[in-house]
Full PDB file with SEQRES, HELIX, SHEET, SSBOND, CRYST1, ORIGX, SCALE, CONECT and MASTER records, all heavy atoms in Angstrom:
SEQRES   1 A   35  ARG ARG ARG LEU ALA TYR ALA PRO ASP GLU SER SER VAL          
SEQRES   2 A   35  TYR PRO PHE MET SER GLY ARG ASP LEU LEU ASP PHE VAL          
SEQRES   3 A   35  ALA MET ALA ARG SER CYS ARG VAL ASP                          
HELIX    1 AA1 GLY A   19  ALA A   29  1                                  11    
CRYST1    1.000    1.000    1.000  90.00  90.00  90.00 P 1           1          
ORIGX1      1.000000  0.000000  0.000000        0.00000                         
ORIGX2      0.000000  1.000000  0.000000        0.00000                         
ORIGX3      0.000000  0.000000  1.000000        0.00000                         
SCALE1      1.000000  0.000000  0.000000        0.00000                         
SCALE2      0.000000  1.000000  0.000000        0.00000                         
SCALE3      0.000000  0.000000  1.000000        0.00000                         
ATOM      1  N   ARG A   1     -12.432   1.483  14.965  1.00  0.00           N  
ATOM      2  CA  ARG A   1     -11.329   1.971  14.135  1.00  0.00           C  
ATOM      3  C   ARG A   1     -10.693   3.232  14.699  1.00  0.00           C  
ATOM      4  O   ARG A   1      -9.517   3.498  14.440  1.00  0.00           O  
ATOM      5  CB  ARG A   1     -11.835   2.220  12.711  1.00  0.00           C  
ATOM      6  CG  ARG A   1     -12.083   0.931  11.946  1.00  0.00           C  
ATOM      7  CD  ARG A   1     -12.745   1.185  10.618  1.00  0.00           C  
ATOM      8  NE  ARG A   1     -13.057  -0.068   9.945  1.00  0.00           N  
ATOM      9  CZ  ARG A   1     -13.812  -0.150   8.864  1.00  0.00           C  
ATOM     10  NH1 ARG A   1     -14.347   0.944   8.332  1.00  0.00           N  
ATOM     11  NH2 ARG A   1     -14.045  -1.323   8.310  1.00  0.00           N  
ATOM     12  N   ARG A   2     -11.457   4.011  15.461  1.00  0.00           N  
ATOM     13  CA  ARG A   2     -10.874   5.196  16.097  1.00  0.00           C  
ATOM     14  C   ARG A   2      -9.902   4.819  17.209  1.00  0.00           C  
ATOM     15  O   ARG A   2      -9.126   5.649  17.657  1.00  0.00           O  
ATOM     16  CB  ARG A   2     -11.977   6.088  16.653  1.00  0.00           C  
ATOM     17  CG  ARG A   2     -12.794   6.799  15.584  1.00  0.00           C  
ATOM     18  CD  ARG A   2     -13.629   7.915  16.172  1.00  0.00           C  
ATOM     19  NE  ARG A   2     -14.469   8.527  15.166  1.00  0.00           N  
ATOM     20  CZ  ARG A   2     -15.771   8.312  15.032  1.00  0.00           C  
ATOM     21  NH1 ARG A   2     -16.388   7.485  15.872  1.00  0.00           N  
ATOM     22  NH2 ARG A   2     -16.469   8.911  14.089  1.00  0.00           N  
ATOM     23  N   ARG A   3      -9.948   3.564  17.655  1.00  0.00           N  
ATOM     24  CA  ARG A   3      -9.068   3.112  18.715  1.00  0.00           C  
ATOM     25  C   ARG A   3      -7.806   2.429  18.173  1.00  0.00           C  
ATOM     26  O   ARG A   3      -7.012   1.913  18.946  1.00  0.00           O  
ATOM     27  CB  ARG A   3      -9.807   2.136  19.638  1.00  0.00           C  
ATOM     28  CG  ARG A   3     -10.808   2.815  20.568  1.00  0.00           C  
ATOM     29  CD  ARG A   3     -11.731   1.799  21.245  1.00  0.00           C  
ATOM     30  NE  ARG A   3     -12.342   2.307  22.455  1.00  0.00           N  
ATOM     31  CZ  ARG A   3     -13.323   3.192  22.504  1.00  0.00           C  
ATOM     32  NH1 ARG A   3     -13.819   3.687  21.383  1.00  0.00           N  
ATOM     33  NH2 ARG A   3     -13.826   3.596  23.657  1.00  0.00           N  
ATOM     34  N   LEU A   4      -7.656   2.410  16.861  1.00  0.00           N  
ATOM     35  CA  LEU A   4      -6.472   1.760  16.303  1.00  0.00           C  
ATOM     36  C   LEU A   4      -5.865   2.585  15.179  1.00  0.00           C  
ATOM     37  O   LEU A   4      -6.508   3.459  14.597  1.00  0.00           O  
ATOM     38  CB  LEU A   4      -6.821   0.349  15.795  1.00  0.00           C  
ATOM     39  CG  LEU A   4      -7.760   0.188  14.602  1.00  0.00           C  
ATOM     40  CD1 LEU A   4      -7.028   0.295  13.273  1.00  0.00           C  
ATOM     41  CD2 LEU A   4      -8.477  -1.166  14.678  1.00  0.00           C  
ATOM     42  N   ALA A   5      -4.609   2.301  14.905  1.00  0.00           N  
ATOM     43  CA  ALA A   5      -3.891   2.872  13.765  1.00  0.00           C  
ATOM     44  C   ALA A   5      -3.274   1.732  12.985  1.00  0.00           C  
ATOM     45  O   ALA A   5      -2.855   0.726  13.568  1.00  0.00           O  
ATOM     46  CB  ALA A   5      -2.810   3.840  14.244  1.00  0.00           C  
ATOM     47  N   TYR A   6      -3.204   1.901  11.662  1.00  0.00           N  
ATOM     48  CA  TYR A   6      -2.703   0.828  10.805  1.00  0.00           C  
ATOM     49  C   TYR A   6      -1.835   1.428   9.708  1.00  0.00           C  
ATOM     50  O   TYR A   6      -2.232   2.397   9.050  1.00  0.00           O  
ATOM     51  CB  TYR A   6      -3.878   0.075  10.193  1.00  0.00           C  
ATOM     52  CG  TYR A   6      -3.518  -0.905   9.096  1.00  0.00           C  
ATOM     53  CD1 TYR A   6      -2.665  -1.978   9.338  1.00  0.00           C  
ATOM     54  CD2 TYR A   6      -4.053  -0.766   7.819  1.00  0.00           C  
ATOM     55  CE1 TYR A   6      -2.351  -2.889   8.334  1.00  0.00           C  
ATOM     56  CE2 TYR A   6      -3.758  -1.674   6.808  1.00  0.00           C  
ATOM     57  CZ  TYR A   6      -2.903  -2.727   7.067  1.00  0.00           C  
ATOM     58  OH  TYR A   6      -2.595  -3.614   6.079  1.00  0.00           O  
ATOM     59  N   ALA A   7      -0.653   0.861   9.521  1.00  0.00           N  
ATOM     60  CA  ALA A   7       0.218   1.254   8.420  1.00  0.00           C  
ATOM     61  C   ALA A   7       0.522   0.015   7.596  1.00  0.00           C  
ATOM     62  O   ALA A   7       1.209  -0.892   8.070  1.00  0.00           O  
ATOM     63  CB  ALA A   7       1.503   1.885   8.939  1.00  0.00           C  
ATOM     64  N   PRO A   8       0.015  -0.056   6.353  1.00  0.00           N  
ATOM     65  CA  PRO A   8       0.273  -1.223   5.502  1.00  0.00           C  
ATOM     66  C   PRO A   8       1.704  -1.224   4.986  1.00  0.00           C  
ATOM     67  O   PRO A   8       2.424  -0.223   5.093  1.00  0.00           O  
ATOM     68  CB  PRO A   8      -0.737  -1.042   4.365  1.00  0.00           C  
ATOM     69  CG  PRO A   8      -0.916   0.441   4.271  1.00  0.00           C  
ATOM     70  CD  PRO A   8      -0.816   0.948   5.683  1.00  0.00           C  
ATOM     71  N   ASP A   9       2.098  -2.337   4.411  1.00  0.00           N  
ATOM     72  CA  ASP A   9       3.449  -2.429   3.846  1.00  0.00           C  
ATOM     73  C   ASP A   9       3.570  -1.574   2.593  1.00  0.00           C  
ATOM     74  O   ASP A   9       4.593  -0.937   2.350  1.00  0.00           O  
ATOM     75  CB  ASP A   9       3.770  -3.894   3.518  1.00  0.00           C  
ATOM     76  CG  ASP A   9       5.208  -4.077   3.049  1.00  0.00           C  
ATOM     77  OD1 ASP A   9       6.043  -3.191   3.305  1.00  0.00           O  
ATOM     78  OD2 ASP A   9       5.504  -5.114   2.434  1.00  0.00           O  
ATOM     79  N   GLU A  10       2.506  -1.522   1.793  1.00  0.00           N  
ATOM     80  CA  GLU A  10       2.512  -0.743   0.560  1.00  0.00           C  
ATOM     81  C   GLU A  10       1.423   0.324   0.619  1.00  0.00           C  
ATOM     82  O   GLU A  10       0.351   0.106   1.187  1.00  0.00           O  
ATOM     83  CB  GLU A  10       2.289  -1.647  -0.653  1.00  0.00           C  
ATOM     84  CG  GLU A  10       3.399  -2.675  -0.844  1.00  0.00           C  
ATOM     85  CD  GLU A  10       3.162  -3.555  -2.049  1.00  0.00           C  
ATOM     86  OE1 GLU A  10       2.094  -3.420  -2.692  1.00  0.00           O  
ATOM     87  OE2 GLU A  10       4.035  -4.388  -2.357  1.00  0.00           O  
ATOM     88  N   SER A  11       1.699   1.460   0.005  1.00  0.00           N  
ATOM     89  CA  SER A  11       0.777   2.586   0.059  1.00  0.00           C  
ATOM     90  C   SER A  11      -0.469   2.349  -0.783  1.00  0.00           C  
ATOM     91  O   SER A  11      -0.393   1.887  -1.922  1.00  0.00           O  
ATOM     92  CB  SER A  11       1.481   3.854  -0.431  1.00  0.00           C  
ATOM     93  OG  SER A  11       0.549   4.918  -0.556  1.00  0.00           O  
ATOM     94  N   SER A  12      -1.620   2.689  -0.210  1.00  0.00           N  
ATOM     95  CA  SER A  12      -2.872   2.686  -0.961  1.00  0.00           C  
ATOM     96  C   SER A  12      -3.438   4.099  -1.052  1.00  0.00           C  
ATOM     97  O   SER A  12      -4.614   4.299  -1.353  1.00  0.00           O  
ATOM     98  CB  SER A  12      -3.888   1.758  -0.286  1.00  0.00           C  
ATOM     99  OG  SER A  12      -4.114   2.173   1.062  1.00  0.00           O  
ATOM    100  N   VAL A  13      -2.583   5.095  -0.787  1.00  0.00           N  
ATOM    101  CA  VAL A  13      -2.996   6.497  -0.799  1.00  0.00           C  
ATOM    102  C   VAL A  13      -3.205   6.947  -2.242  1.00  0.00           C  
ATOM    103  O   VAL A  13      -2.469   6.552  -3.152  1.00  0.00           O  
ATOM    104  CB  VAL A  13      -1.924   7.371  -0.116  1.00  0.00           C  
ATOM    105  CG1 VAL A  13      -2.314   8.849  -0.169  1.00  0.00           C  
ATOM    106  CG2 VAL A  13      -1.723   6.928   1.327  1.00  0.00           C  
ATOM    107  N   TYR A  14      -4.221   7.800  -2.450  1.00  0.00           N  
ATOM    108  CA  TYR A  14      -4.445   8.357  -3.789  1.00  0.00           C  
ATOM    109  C   TYR A  14      -3.179   9.057  -4.271  1.00  0.00           C  
ATOM    110  O   TYR A  14      -2.575   9.840  -3.532  1.00  0.00           O  
ATOM    111  CB  TYR A  14      -5.598   9.358  -3.779  1.00  0.00           C  
ATOM    112  CG  TYR A  14      -6.954   8.731  -3.559  1.00  0.00           C  
ATOM    113  CD1 TYR A  14      -7.713   9.064  -2.438  1.00  0.00           C  
ATOM    114  CD2 TYR A  14      -7.478   7.823  -4.467  1.00  0.00           C  
ATOM    115  CE1 TYR A  14      -8.970   8.489  -2.232  1.00  0.00           C  
ATOM    116  CE2 TYR A  14      -8.725   7.240  -4.269  1.00  0.00           C  
ATOM    117  CZ  TYR A  14      -9.464   7.587  -3.153  1.00  0.00           C  
ATOM    118  OH  TYR A  14     -10.695   7.005  -2.957  1.00  0.00           O  
ATOM    119  N   PRO A  15      -2.758   8.808  -5.513  1.00  0.00           N  
ATOM    120  CA  PRO A  15      -1.487   9.360  -5.992  1.00  0.00           C  
ATOM    121  C   PRO A  15      -1.438  10.877  -6.030  1.00  0.00           C  
ATOM    122  O   PRO A  15      -0.350  11.465  -5.973  1.00  0.00           O  
ATOM    123  CB  PRO A  15      -1.338   8.763  -7.397  1.00  0.00           C  
ATOM    124  CG  PRO A  15      -2.710   8.312  -7.789  1.00  0.00           C  
ATOM    125  CD  PRO A  15      -3.387   7.928  -6.520  1.00  0.00           C  
ATOM    126  N   PHE A  16      -2.613  11.537  -6.126  1.00  0.00           N  
ATOM    127  CA  PHE A  16      -2.625  13.001  -6.201  1.00  0.00           C  
ATOM    128  C   PHE A  16      -2.511  13.657  -4.827  1.00  0.00           C  
ATOM    129  O   PHE A  16      -2.276  14.864  -4.729  1.00  0.00           O  
ATOM    130  CB  PHE A  16      -3.904  13.497  -6.893  1.00  0.00           C  
ATOM    131  CG  PHE A  16      -5.179  13.053  -6.222  1.00  0.00           C  
ATOM    132  CD1 PHE A  16      -5.676  13.710  -5.110  1.00  0.00           C  
ATOM    133  CD2 PHE A  16      -5.871  11.952  -6.703  1.00  0.00           C  
ATOM    134  CE1 PHE A  16      -6.842  13.299  -4.484  1.00  0.00           C  
ATOM    135  CE2 PHE A  16      -7.037  11.527  -6.087  1.00  0.00           C  
ATOM    136  CZ  PHE A  16      -7.531  12.195  -4.979  1.00  0.00           C  
ATOM    137  N   MET A  17      -2.670  12.880  -3.759  1.00  0.00           N  
ATOM    138  CA  MET A  17      -2.576  13.458  -2.412  1.00  0.00           C  
ATOM    139  C   MET A  17      -1.130  13.769  -2.065  1.00  0.00           C  
ATOM    140  O   MET A  17      -0.222  13.030  -2.431  1.00  0.00           O  
ATOM    141  CB  MET A  17      -3.148  12.489  -1.374  1.00  0.00           C  
ATOM    142  CG  MET A  17      -4.635  12.310  -1.436  1.00  0.00           C  
ATOM    143  SD  MET A  17      -5.270  11.211  -0.118  1.00  0.00           S  
ATOM    144  CE  MET A  17      -5.052  12.260   1.330  1.00  0.00           C  
ATOM    145  N   SER A  18      -0.940  14.861  -1.359  1.00  0.00           N  
ATOM    146  CA  SER A  18       0.398  15.197  -0.873  1.00  0.00           C  
ATOM    147  C   SER A  18       0.616  14.565   0.495  1.00  0.00           C  
ATOM    148  O   SER A  18      -0.320  14.067   1.124  1.00  0.00           O  
ATOM    149  CB  SER A  18       0.556  16.717  -0.762  1.00  0.00           C  
ATOM    150  OG  SER A  18      -0.247  17.230   0.294  1.00  0.00           O  
ATOM    151  N   GLY A  19       1.855  14.627   0.960  1.00  0.00           N  
ATOM    152  CA  GLY A  19       2.154  14.111   2.284  1.00  0.00           C  
ATOM    153  C   GLY A  19       1.347  14.812   3.358  1.00  0.00           C  
ATOM    154  O   GLY A  19       0.799  14.172   4.268  1.00  0.00           O  
ATOM    155  N   ARG A  20       1.243  16.132   3.260  1.00  0.00           N  
ATOM    156  CA  ARG A  20       0.478  16.894   4.249  1.00  0.00           C  
ATOM    157  C   ARG A  20      -1.015  16.563   4.140  1.00  0.00           C  
ATOM    158  O   ARG A  20      -1.720  16.502   5.148  1.00  0.00           O  
ATOM    159  CB  ARG A  20       0.702  18.389   4.060  1.00  0.00           C  
ATOM    160  CG  ARG A  20      -0.031  19.262   5.092  1.00  0.00           C  
ATOM    161  CD  ARG A  20       0.405  18.936   6.513  1.00  0.00           C  
ATOM    162  NE  ARG A  20      -0.473  19.453   7.510  1.00  0.00           N  
ATOM    163  CZ  ARG A  20      -0.119  20.386   8.411  1.00  0.00           C  
ATOM    164  NH1 ARG A  20       1.095  20.882   8.398  1.00  0.00           N  
ATOM    165  NH2 ARG A  20      -0.972  20.799   9.313  1.00  0.00           N  
ATOM    166  N   ASP A  21      -1.508  16.336   2.918  1.00  0.00           N  
ATOM    167  CA  ASP A  21      -2.909  15.935   2.743  1.00  0.00           C  
ATOM    168  C   ASP A  21      -3.205  14.659   3.528  1.00  0.00           C  
ATOM    169  O   ASP A  21      -4.253  14.547   4.173  1.00  0.00           O  
ATOM    170  CB  ASP A  21      -3.220  15.683   1.263  1.00  0.00           C  
ATOM    171  CG  ASP A  21      -3.289  16.947   0.436  1.00  0.00           C  
ATOM    172  OD1 ASP A  21      -3.483  18.035   1.011  1.00  0.00           O  
ATOM    173  OD2 ASP A  21      -3.137  16.853  -0.800  1.00  0.00           O  
ATOM    174  N   LEU A  22      -2.293  13.683   3.453  1.00  0.00           N  
ATOM    175  CA  LEU A  22      -2.507  12.429   4.171  1.00  0.00           C  
ATOM    176  C   LEU A  22      -2.566  12.666   5.669  1.00  0.00           C  
ATOM    177  O   LEU A  22      -3.462  12.158   6.353  1.00  0.00           O  
ATOM    178  CB  LEU A  22      -1.394  11.429   3.856  1.00  0.00           C  
ATOM    179  CG  LEU A  22      -1.431  10.140   4.694  1.00  0.00           C  
ATOM    180  CD1 LEU A  22      -2.671   9.316   4.372  1.00  0.00           C  
ATOM    181  CD2 LEU A  22      -0.171   9.321   4.498  1.00  0.00           C  
ATOM    182  N   LEU A  23      -1.617  13.437   6.187  1.00  0.00           N  
ATOM    183  CA  LEU A  23      -1.598  13.705   7.626  1.00  0.00           C  
ATOM    184  C   LEU A  23      -2.868  14.417   8.071  1.00  0.00           C  
ATOM    185  O   LEU A  23      -3.463  14.070   9.101  1.00  0.00           O  
ATOM    186  CB  LEU A  23      -0.364  14.534   7.985  1.00  0.00           C  
ATOM    187  CG  LEU A  23       1.000  13.910   7.665  1.00  0.00           C  
ATOM    188  CD1 LEU A  23       2.124  14.852   8.109  1.00  0.00           C  
ATOM    189  CD2 LEU A  23       1.166  12.542   8.298  1.00  0.00           C  
ATOM    190  N   ASP A  24      -3.313  15.411   7.295  1.00  0.00           N  
ATOM    191  CA  ASP A  24      -4.543  16.147   7.636  1.00  0.00           C  
ATOM    192  C   ASP A  24      -5.761  15.233   7.567  1.00  0.00           C  
ATOM    193  O   ASP A  24      -6.656  15.319   8.416  1.00  0.00           O  
ATOM    194  CB  ASP A  24      -4.732  17.337   6.686  1.00  0.00           C  
ATOM    195  CG  ASP A  24      -3.754  18.469   6.956  1.00  0.00           C  
ATOM    196  OD1 ASP A  24      -3.247  18.563   8.092  1.00  0.00           O  
ATOM    197  OD2 ASP A  24      -3.503  19.258   6.028  1.00  0.00           O  
ATOM    198  N   PHE A  25      -5.802  14.356   6.579  1.00  0.00           N  
ATOM    199  CA  PHE A  25      -6.941  13.450   6.418  1.00  0.00           C  
ATOM    200  C   PHE A  25      -7.041  12.486   7.601  1.00  0.00           C  
ATOM    201  O   PHE A  25      -8.124  12.274   8.157  1.00  0.00           O  
ATOM    202  CB  PHE A  25      -6.800  12.672   5.115  1.00  0.00           C  
ATOM    203  CG  PHE A  25      -7.890  11.659   4.888  1.00  0.00           C  
ATOM    204  CD1 PHE A  25      -9.137  12.059   4.415  1.00  0.00           C  
ATOM    205  CD2 PHE A  25      -7.685  10.314   5.178  1.00  0.00           C  
ATOM    206  CE1 PHE A  25     -10.157  11.124   4.227  1.00  0.00           C  
ATOM    207  CE2 PHE A  25      -8.692   9.382   4.983  1.00  0.00           C  
ATOM    208  CZ  PHE A  25      -9.933   9.790   4.509  1.00  0.00           C  
ATOM    209  N   VAL A  26      -5.922  11.909   8.002  1.00  0.00           N  
ATOM    210  CA  VAL A  26      -5.920  10.973   9.124  1.00  0.00           C  
ATOM    211  C   VAL A  26      -6.291  11.692  10.416  1.00  0.00           C  
ATOM    212  O   VAL A  26      -7.059  11.171  11.238  1.00  0.00           O  
ATOM    213  CB  VAL A  26      -4.549  10.279   9.248  1.00  0.00           C  
ATOM    214  CG1 VAL A  26      -4.477   9.449  10.525  1.00  0.00           C  
ATOM    215  CG2 VAL A  26      -4.299   9.397   8.025  1.00  0.00           C  
ATOM    216  N   ALA A  27      -5.758  12.896  10.602  1.00  0.00           N  
ATOM    217  CA  ALA A  27      -6.087  13.661  11.802  1.00  0.00           C  
ATOM    218  C   ALA A  27      -7.586  13.970  11.859  1.00  0.00           C  
ATOM    219  O   ALA A  27      -8.218  13.861  12.918  1.00  0.00           O  
ATOM    220  CB  ALA A  27      -5.279  14.954  11.836  1.00  0.00           C  
ATOM    221  N   MET A  28      -8.173  14.330  10.728  1.00  0.00           N  
ATOM    222  CA  MET A  28      -9.607  14.611  10.680  1.00  0.00           C  
ATOM    223  C   MET A  28     -10.405  13.362  11.025  1.00  0.00           C  
ATOM    224  O   MET A  28     -11.375  13.414  11.782  1.00  0.00           O  
ATOM    225  CB  MET A  28      -9.992  15.116   9.291  1.00  0.00           C  
ATOM    226  CG  MET A  28     -11.488  15.402   9.125  1.00  0.00           C  
ATOM    227  SD  MET A  28     -11.931  15.890   7.439  1.00  0.00           S  
ATOM    228  CE  MET A  28     -11.591  14.357   6.561  1.00  0.00           C  
ATOM    229  N   ALA A  29      -9.981  12.204  10.491  1.00  0.00           N  
ATOM    230  CA  ALA A  29     -10.686  10.953  10.764  1.00  0.00           C  
ATOM    231  C   ALA A  29     -10.630  10.588  12.241  1.00  0.00           C  
ATOM    232  O   ALA A  29     -11.541   9.920  12.755  1.00  0.00           O  
ATOM    233  CB  ALA A  29     -10.092   9.834   9.918  1.00  0.00           C  
ATOM    234  N   ARG A  30      -9.567  11.014  12.931  1.00  0.00           N  
ATOM    235  CA  ARG A  30      -9.417  10.706  14.352  1.00  0.00           C  
ATOM    236  C   ARG A  30      -9.821  11.879  15.243  1.00  0.00           C  
ATOM    237  O   ARG A  30      -9.539  11.893  16.437  1.00  0.00           O  
ATOM    238  CB  ARG A  30      -7.972  10.282  14.639  1.00  0.00           C  
ATOM    239  CG  ARG A  30      -7.618   8.980  13.936  1.00  0.00           C  
ATOM    240  CD  ARG A  30      -6.232   8.496  14.230  1.00  0.00           C  
ATOM    241  NE  ARG A  30      -5.932   7.358  13.358  1.00  0.00           N  
ATOM    242  CZ  ARG A  30      -4.729   6.982  12.988  1.00  0.00           C  
ATOM    243  NH1 ARG A  30      -3.674   7.650  13.429  1.00  0.00           N  
ATOM    244  NH2 ARG A  30      -4.550   5.956  12.186  1.00  0.00           N  
ATOM    245  N   SER A  31     -10.494  12.856  14.641  1.00  0.00           N  
ATOM    246  CA  SER A  31     -11.028  14.013  15.379  1.00  0.00           C  
ATOM    247  C   SER A  31      -9.952  14.752  16.163  1.00  0.00           C  
ATOM    248  O   SER A  31     -10.137  15.105  17.338  1.00  0.00           O  
ATOM    249  CB  SER A  31     -12.161  13.568  16.321  1.00  0.00           C  
ATOM    250  OG  SER A  31     -13.191  12.946  15.588  1.00  0.00           O  
ATOM    251  N   CYS A  32      -8.806  14.957  15.523  1.00  0.00           N  
ATOM    252  CA  CYS A  32      -7.729  15.720  16.155  1.00  0.00           C  
ATOM    253  C   CYS A  32      -7.023  16.548  15.086  1.00  0.00           C  
ATOM    254  O   CYS A  32      -7.512  16.666  13.958  1.00  0.00           O  
ATOM    255  CB  CYS A  32      -6.752  14.784  16.866  1.00  0.00           C  
ATOM    256  SG  CYS A  32      -5.905  13.622  15.778  1.00  0.00           S  
ATOM    257  N   ARG A  33      -5.908  17.130  15.445  1.00  0.00           N  
ATOM    258  CA  ARG A  33      -5.148  17.959  14.508  1.00  0.00           C  
ATOM    259  C   ARG A  33      -3.742  17.410  14.340  1.00  0.00           C  
ATOM    260  O   ARG A  33      -3.254  16.662  15.183  1.00  0.00           O  
ATOM    261  CB  ARG A  33      -5.067  19.403  15.017  1.00  0.00           C  
ATOM    262  CG  ARG A  33      -6.406  20.126  15.060  1.00  0.00           C  
ATOM    263  CD  ARG A  33      -6.212  21.567  15.512  1.00  0.00           C  
ATOM    264  NE  ARG A  33      -7.473  22.296  15.526  1.00  0.00           N  
ATOM    265  CZ  ARG A  33      -7.582  23.575  15.847  1.00  0.00           C  
ATOM    266  NH1 ARG A  33      -6.486  24.262  16.205  1.00  0.00           N  
ATOM    267  NH2 ARG A  33      -8.753  24.175  15.826  1.00  0.00           N  
ATOM    268  N   VAL A  34      -3.108  17.814  13.250  1.00  0.00           N  
ATOM    269  CA  VAL A  34      -1.695  17.499  13.067  1.00  0.00           C  
ATOM    270  C   VAL A  34      -0.911  18.419  13.999  1.00  0.00           C  
ATOM    271  O   VAL A  34      -0.775  19.610  13.738  1.00  0.00           O  
ATOM    272  CB  VAL A  34      -1.259  17.714  11.598  1.00  0.00           C  
ATOM    273  CG1 VAL A  34       0.236  17.464  11.445  1.00  0.00           C  
ATOM    274  CG2 VAL A  34      -2.042  16.802  10.674  1.00  0.00           C  
ATOM    275  N   ASP A  35      -0.436  17.868  15.102  1.00  0.00           N  
ATOM    276  CA  ASP A  35       0.218  18.694  16.113  1.00  0.00           C  
ATOM    277  C   ASP A  35       1.733  18.667  15.962  1.00  0.00           C  
ATOM    278  O   ASP A  35       2.283  18.098  15.015  1.00  0.00           O  
ATOM    279  CB  ASP A  35      -0.199  18.239  17.520  1.00  0.00           C  
ATOM    280  CG  ASP A  35       0.142  16.768  17.780  1.00  0.00           C  
ATOM    281  OD1 ASP A  35       0.936  16.180  17.002  1.00  0.00           O  
ATOM    282  OD2 ASP A  35      -0.367  16.210  18.768  1.00  0.00           O  
TER     283      ASP A  35                                                      
MASTER        0    0    0    1    0    0    0    6  282    1    0    3          
END                                                                             
């Protein structure tokens, strides 16, 4: 999963998360930073 990225057609993101929260979460999962 670290070798792939996936964007679904519809969002499954928690409604309380902000846009920046999502970017930070994905970056953490891929062991990098939001650059």
